[in-house]
């Protein structure tokens, strides 16, 4: 099967419908075609609602500092293993990786 698209589908939309679809595609960081294809095949679409990533970074950094303080206190009293299970530790580690990736995002 060739990657070249050779068929065309046309549909008529009102101006309002087109604006909504275009806005959703933009929020999903996709073209309108990509968005409609994923929607047509019922594939997952991620909508990014945060316009400025920096708005969410500050609270997350605070959360990370609190977690580190709590973890340090628990380690000092040898209670870390009874409170933070390996599954929770794995989830927290995943959260910090996402935070690190968000810090790398260049905001214009």
C-alpha atoms as a PDB file:
ATOM      1  CA  UNK A   1       0.000   0.000   0.000  1.00  0.00           C
ATOM      2  CA  UNK A   2       1.346   3.376  -0.976  1.00  0.00           C
ATOM      3  CA  UNK A   3       1.632   6.262   1.481  1.00  0.00           C
ATOM      4  CA  UNK A   4       0.499   8.635  -1.246  1.00  0.00           C
ATOM      5  CA  UNK A   5      -3.038   9.826  -0.717  1.00  0.00           C
ATOM      6  CA  UNK A   6      -4.968   9.493  -3.938  1.00  0.00           C
ATOM      7  CA  UNK A   7      -8.599   9.822  -2.866  1.00  0.00           C
ATOM      8  CA  UNK A   8     -10.434  12.920  -1.753  1.00  0.00           C
ATOM      9  CA  UNK A   9     -13.540  13.306   0.399  1.00  0.00           C
ATOM     10  CA  UNK A  10     -15.429  16.567   0.459  1.00  0.00           C
ATOM     11  CA  UNK A  11     -17.860  17.684   3.090  1.00  0.00           C
ATOM     12  CA  UNK A  12     -19.853  20.829   3.567  1.00  0.00           C
ATOM     13  CA  UNK A  13     -19.659  22.639   6.901  1.00  0.00           C
ATOM     14  CA  UNK A  14     -21.006  25.813   8.311  1.00  0.00           C
ATOM     15  CA  UNK A  15     -18.440  28.456   9.191  1.00  0.00           C
ATOM     16  CA  UNK A  16     -18.991  27.714  12.900  1.00  0.00           C
ATOM     17  CA  UNK A  17     -18.487  23.952  12.424  1.00  0.00           C
ATOM     18  CA  UNK A  18     -15.282  24.529  10.495  1.00  0.00           C
ATOM     19  CA  UNK A  19     -13.958  26.909  13.175  1.00  0.00           C
ATOM     20  CA  UNK A  20     -14.651  24.353  15.927  1.00  0.00           C
ATOM     21  CA  UNK A  21     -12.936  21.530  14.020  1.00  0.00           C
ATOM     22  CA  UNK A  22      -9.962  23.738  13.163  1.00  0.00           C
ATOM     23  CA  UNK A  23      -9.627  24.855  16.814  1.00  0.00           C
ATOM     24  CA  UNK A  24      -9.769  21.256  18.044  1.00  0.00           C
ATOM     25  CA  UNK A  25      -7.176  20.197  15.480  1.00  0.00           C
ATOM     26  CA  UNK A  26      -4.914  23.063  16.575  1.00  0.00           C
ATOM     27  CA  UNK A  27      -5.325  22.119  20.246  1.00  0.00           C
ATOM     28  CA  UNK A  28      -4.411  18.540  19.331  1.00  0.00           C
ATOM     29  CA  UNK A  29      -1.387  19.849  17.411  1.00  0.00           C
ATOM     30  CA  UNK A  30      -2.670  18.269  14.171  1.00  0.00           C
ATOM     31  CA  UNK A  31      -3.796  19.312  10.760  1.00  0.00           C
ATOM     32  CA  UNK A  32      -7.542  19.227  10.103  1.00  0.00           C
ATOM     33  CA  UNK A  33      -7.009  16.165   7.897  1.00  0.00           C
ATOM     34  CA  UNK A  34      -5.082  14.306  10.598  1.00  0.00           C
ATOM     35  CA  UNK A  35      -7.705  15.230  13.178  1.00  0.00           C
ATOM     36  CA  UNK A  36     -10.642  14.099  11.031  1.00  0.00           C
ATOM     37  CA  UNK A  37      -8.934  10.822  10.090  1.00  0.00           C
ATOM     38  CA  UNK A  38      -8.268   9.959  13.730  1.00  0.00           C
ATOM     39  CA  UNK A  39     -11.824  10.934  14.646  1.00  0.00           C
ATOM     40  CA  UNK A  40     -13.255   8.859  11.776  1.00  0.00           C
ATOM     41  CA  UNK A  41     -11.321   5.767  12.870  1.00  0.00           C
ATOM     42  CA  UNK A  42     -12.131   6.400  16.551  1.00  0.00           C
ATOM     43  CA  UNK A  43      -8.443   6.724  17.444  1.00  0.00           C
ATOM     44  CA  UNK A  44      -7.344   8.582  20.578  1.00  0.00           C
ATOM     45  CA  UNK A  45      -6.856  12.331  20.203  1.00  0.00           C
ATOM     46  CA  UNK A  46      -5.055  14.360  22.853  1.00  0.00           C
ATOM     47  CA  UNK A  47      -6.300  17.912  23.251  1.00  0.00           C
ATOM     48  CA  UNK A  48      -3.814  20.300  24.819  1.00  0.00           C
ATOM     49  CA  UNK A  49      -5.744  22.890  26.804  1.00  0.00           C
ATOM     50  CA  UNK A  50      -2.806  24.678  28.421  1.00  0.00           C
ATOM     51  CA  UNK A  51      -1.826  27.669  26.327  1.00  0.00           C
ATOM     52  CA  UNK A  52       1.201  28.499  28.441  1.00  0.00           C
ATOM     53  CA  UNK A  53       3.111  25.514  29.836  1.00  0.00           C
ATOM     54  CA  UNK A  54       4.742  27.774  32.398  1.00  0.00           C
ATOM     55  CA  UNK A  55       1.331  28.153  34.084  1.00  0.00           C
ATOM     56  CA  UNK A  56       1.456  24.536  35.230  1.00  0.00           C
ATOM     57  CA  UNK A  57       5.191  24.234  35.885  1.00  0.00           C
ATOM     58  CA  UNK A  58       5.282  26.410  39.000  1.00  0.00           C
ATOM     59  CA  UNK A  59       2.755  24.307  40.993  1.00  0.00           C
ATOM     60  CA  UNK A  60       4.407  21.082  39.819  1.00  0.00           C
ATOM     61  CA  UNK A  61       7.823  22.294  40.911  1.00  0.00           C
ATOM     62  CA  UNK A  62       6.344  23.091  44.325  1.00  0.00           C
ATOM     63  CA  UNK A  63       4.834  19.614  44.470  1.00  0.00           C
ATOM     64  CA  UNK A  64       8.200  18.099  43.602  1.00  0.00           C
ATOM     65  CA  UNK A  65       9.896  20.057  46.420  1.00  0.00           C
ATOM     66  CA  UNK A  66       7.263  18.907  48.936  1.00  0.00           C
ATOM     67  CA  UNK A  67       7.642  15.306  47.817  1.00  0.00           C
ATOM     68  CA  UNK A  68      11.415  15.507  48.172  1.00  0.00           C
ATOM     69  CA  UNK A  69      11.075  16.976  51.690  1.00  0.00           C
ATOM     70  CA  UNK A  70       8.613  14.274  52.770  1.00  0.00           C
ATOM     71  CA  UNK A  71      10.750  11.528  51.245  1.00  0.00           C
ATOM     72  CA  UNK A  72      13.876  12.844  52.985  1.00  0.00           C
ATOM     73  CA  UNK A  73      12.074  12.958  56.359  1.00  0.00           C
ATOM     74  CA  UNK A  74      10.769   9.413  55.922  1.00  0.00           C
ATOM     75  CA  UNK A  75      14.197   8.133  54.936  1.00  0.00           C
ATOM     76  CA  UNK A  76      15.704   9.676  58.072  1.00  0.00           C
ATOM     77  CA  UNK A  77      13.221   7.771  60.255  1.00  0.00           C
ATOM     78  CA  UNK A  78      13.433   4.537  58.176  1.00  0.00           C
ATOM     79  CA  UNK A  79       9.695   4.703  57.361  1.00  0.00           C
ATOM     80  CA  UNK A  80      10.063   5.055  53.597  1.00  0.00           C
ATOM     81  CA  UNK A  81       9.442   1.395  52.777  1.00  0.00           C
ATOM     82  CA  UNK A  82       6.225   1.172  54.814  1.00  0.00           C
ATOM     83  CA  UNK A  83       4.642   4.261  53.237  1.00  0.00           C
ATOM     84  CA  UNK A  84       5.922   4.531  49.651  1.00  0.00           C
ATOM     85  CA  UNK A  85       5.424   1.257  47.804  1.00  0.00           C
ATOM     86  CA  UNK A  86       7.383   0.419  44.638  1.00  0.00           C
ATOM     87  CA  UNK A  87       4.258   1.085  42.545  1.00  0.00           C
ATOM     88  CA  UNK A  88       3.817   4.542  44.043  1.00  0.00           C
ATOM     89  CA  UNK A  89       7.529   5.211  43.612  1.00  0.00           C
ATOM     90  CA  UNK A  90       7.242   4.236  39.930  1.00  0.00           C
ATOM     91  CA  UNK A  91       4.259   6.570  39.421  1.00  0.00           C
ATOM     92  CA  UNK A  92       6.078   9.445  41.112  1.00  0.00           C
ATOM     93  CA  UNK A  93       9.164   8.818  38.980  1.00  0.00           C
ATOM     94  CA  UNK A  94       6.974   8.939  35.836  1.00  0.00           C
ATOM     95  CA  UNK A  95       5.485  12.240  37.011  1.00  0.00           C
ATOM     96  CA  UNK A  96       8.949  13.754  37.476  1.00  0.00           C
ATOM     97  CA  UNK A  97       9.964  12.590  33.998  1.00  0.00           C
ATOM     98  CA  UNK A  98       6.925  14.358  32.531  1.00  0.00           C
ATOM     99  CA  UNK A  99       7.810  17.446  34.541  1.00  0.00           C
ATOM    100  CA  UNK A 100      11.362  17.368  33.172  1.00  0.00           C
ATOM    101  CA  UNK A 101       9.995  17.122  29.631  1.00  0.00           C
ATOM    102  CA  UNK A 102       7.635  20.035  30.261  1.00  0.00           C
ATOM    103  CA  UNK A 103      10.541  22.155  31.480  1.00  0.00           C
ATOM    104  CA  UNK A 104      12.233  21.579  28.113  1.00  0.00           C
ATOM    105  CA  UNK A 105       9.285  22.948  26.114  1.00  0.00           C
ATOM    106  CA  UNK A 106      10.200  26.252  24.500  1.00  0.00           C
ATOM    107  CA  UNK A 107       7.406  28.764  24.943  1.00  0.00           C
ATOM    108  CA  UNK A 108       7.456  31.543  22.336  1.00  0.00           C
END
